[in-house]
Amino acid sequence: MCEQTKRYFCPRLVDYVIIVGCRHPNEYNHITQTPELLRRYPLEDHKDFALPPDVIFFCQPEGCINTG
């Protein structure tokens, strides 16, 4: 692939893998809780694309509700 073409393609198939949810689920009632970033890989941001801080609310815009 030529250098001009390489700059338009990202070298990664997936930028980040994240797990979003409640840090301390409430077992007794169905109260909506604020979602949190529980895990992420990689731990550091990529040089060319930082993990957006509002990705948590993109994943769970209505909050977390424990139904189990």
C-alpha atoms as a PDB file:
ATOM      1  CA  MET A   1       0.000   0.000   0.000  1.00  0.00           C
ATOM      2  CA  CYS A   2       1.421   3.413  -0.866  1.00  0.00           C
ATOM      3  CA  GLU A   3       2.078   6.045   1.820  1.00  0.00           C
ATOM      4  CA  GLN A   4      -0.700   8.315   0.567  1.00  0.00           C
ATOM      5  CA  THR A   5      -3.272   5.528   0.930  1.00  0.00           C
ATOM      6  CA  LYS A   6      -1.982   4.401   4.367  1.00  0.00           C
ATOM      7  CA  ARG A   7      -2.824   7.678   6.094  1.00  0.00           C
ATOM      8  CA  TYR A   8      -6.541   7.236   5.391  1.00  0.00           C
ATOM      9  CA  PHE A   9      -6.817   3.800   7.021  1.00  0.00           C
ATOM     10  CA  CYS A  10      -6.786   3.093  10.740  1.00  0.00           C
ATOM     11  CA  PRO A  11      -4.448   0.239  11.708  1.00  0.00           C
ATOM     12  CA  ARG A  12      -6.962  -1.127  14.249  1.00  0.00           C
ATOM     13  CA  LEU A  13     -10.167  -3.074  13.710  1.00  0.00           C
ATOM     14  CA  VAL A  14     -11.513  -2.021  17.151  1.00  0.00           C
ATOM     15  CA  ASP A  15     -10.363   1.119  18.969  1.00  0.00           C
ATOM     16  CA  TYR A  16     -11.529   0.248  22.483  1.00  0.00           C
ATOM     17  CA  VAL A  17     -13.343  -2.491  24.366  1.00  0.00           C
ATOM     18  CA  ILE A  18     -15.281  -1.104  27.330  1.00  0.00           C
ATOM     19  CA  ILE A  19     -17.630  -2.411  30.006  1.00  0.00           C
ATOM     20  CA  VAL A  20     -20.172   0.064  31.348  1.00  0.00           C
ATOM     21  CA  GLY A  21     -22.513  -0.562  34.277  1.00  0.00           C
ATOM     22  CA  CYS A  22     -23.254   0.069  37.960  1.00  0.00           C
ATOM     23  CA  ARG A  23     -20.304  -0.067  40.301  1.00  0.00           C
ATOM     24  CA  HIS A  24     -22.490  -1.118  43.262  1.00  0.00           C
ATOM     25  CA  PRO A  25     -25.813  -2.577  42.053  1.00  0.00           C
ATOM     26  CA  ASN A  26     -28.792  -2.020  44.327  1.00  0.00           C
ATOM     27  CA  GLU A  27     -30.453  -5.398  45.044  1.00  0.00           C
ATOM     28  CA  TYR A  28     -33.681  -4.329  46.719  1.00  0.00           C
ATOM     29  CA  ASN A  29     -35.342  -1.720  44.528  1.00  0.00           C
ATOM     30  CA  HIS A  30     -35.316  -0.561  40.947  1.00  0.00           C
ATOM     31  CA  ILE A  31     -33.604   2.814  41.337  1.00  0.00           C
ATOM     32  CA  THR A  32     -31.887   4.212  38.261  1.00  0.00           C
ATOM     33  CA  GLN A  33     -28.185   4.663  38.919  1.00  0.00           C
ATOM     34  CA  THR A  34     -25.561   6.609  37.021  1.00  0.00           C
ATOM     35  CA  PRO A  35     -23.526   4.300  34.770  1.00  0.00           C
ATOM     36  CA  GLU A  36     -19.755   4.126  35.199  1.00  0.00           C
ATOM     37  CA  LEU A  37     -16.857   2.901  33.128  1.00  0.00           C
ATOM     38  CA  LEU A  38     -16.002  -0.396  34.847  1.00  0.00           C
ATOM     39  CA  ARG A  39     -13.281  -1.716  32.518  1.00  0.00           C
ATOM     40  CA  ARG A  40     -11.508  -0.597  29.378  1.00  0.00           C
ATOM     41  CA  TYR A  41      -8.890  -1.978  27.052  1.00  0.00           C
ATOM     42  CA  PRO A  42      -6.395  -0.607  26.306  1.00  0.00           C
ATOM     43  CA  LEU A  43      -5.885   1.280  29.554  1.00  0.00           C
ATOM     44  CA  GLU A  44      -4.226   4.224  27.800  1.00  0.00           C
ATOM     45  CA  ASP A  45      -5.671   6.341  24.986  1.00  0.00           C
ATOM     46  CA  HIS A  46      -4.430   5.834  21.441  1.00  0.00           C
ATOM     47  CA  LYS A  47      -2.232   8.650  20.143  1.00  0.00           C
ATOM     48  CA  ASP A  48      -4.582   9.271  17.227  1.00  0.00           C
ATOM     49  CA  PHE A  49      -7.950   8.728  18.969  1.00  0.00           C
ATOM     50  CA  ALA A  50      -8.738   9.296  22.651  1.00  0.00           C
ATOM     51  CA  LEU A  51     -11.640   7.464  24.288  1.00  0.00           C
ATOM     52  CA  PRO A  52     -14.483  10.024  24.376  1.00  0.00           C
ATOM     53  CA  PRO A  53     -15.426  10.884  27.980  1.00  0.00           C
ATOM     54  CA  ASP A  54     -19.177  10.742  27.231  1.00  0.00           C
ATOM     55  CA  VAL A  55     -19.045   7.196  25.785  1.00  0.00           C
ATOM     56  CA  ILE A  56     -20.630   5.978  29.046  1.00  0.00           C
ATOM     57  CA  PHE A  57     -23.848   7.863  28.341  1.00  0.00           C
ATOM     58  CA  PHE A  58     -23.789   6.704  24.722  1.00  0.00           C
ATOM     59  CA  CYS A  59     -23.820   3.090  25.972  1.00  0.00           C
ATOM     60  CA  GLN A  60     -26.464   3.581  28.682  1.00  0.00           C
ATOM     61  CA  PRO A  61     -28.268   6.896  28.083  1.00  0.00           C
ATOM     62  CA  GLU A  62     -31.119   6.098  30.497  1.00  0.00           C
ATOM     63  CA  GLY A  63     -28.872   4.954  33.344  1.00  0.00           C
ATOM     64  CA  CYS A  64     -28.504   1.554  35.018  1.00  0.00           C
ATOM     65  CA  ILE A  65     -31.421  -0.331  36.532  1.00  0.00           C
ATOM     66  CA  ASN A  66     -30.803  -3.585  38.395  1.00  0.00           C
ATOM     67  CA  THR A  67     -33.599  -6.016  37.564  1.00  0.00           C
ATOM     68  CA  GLY A  68     -32.110  -9.223  38.959  1.00  0.00           C
END
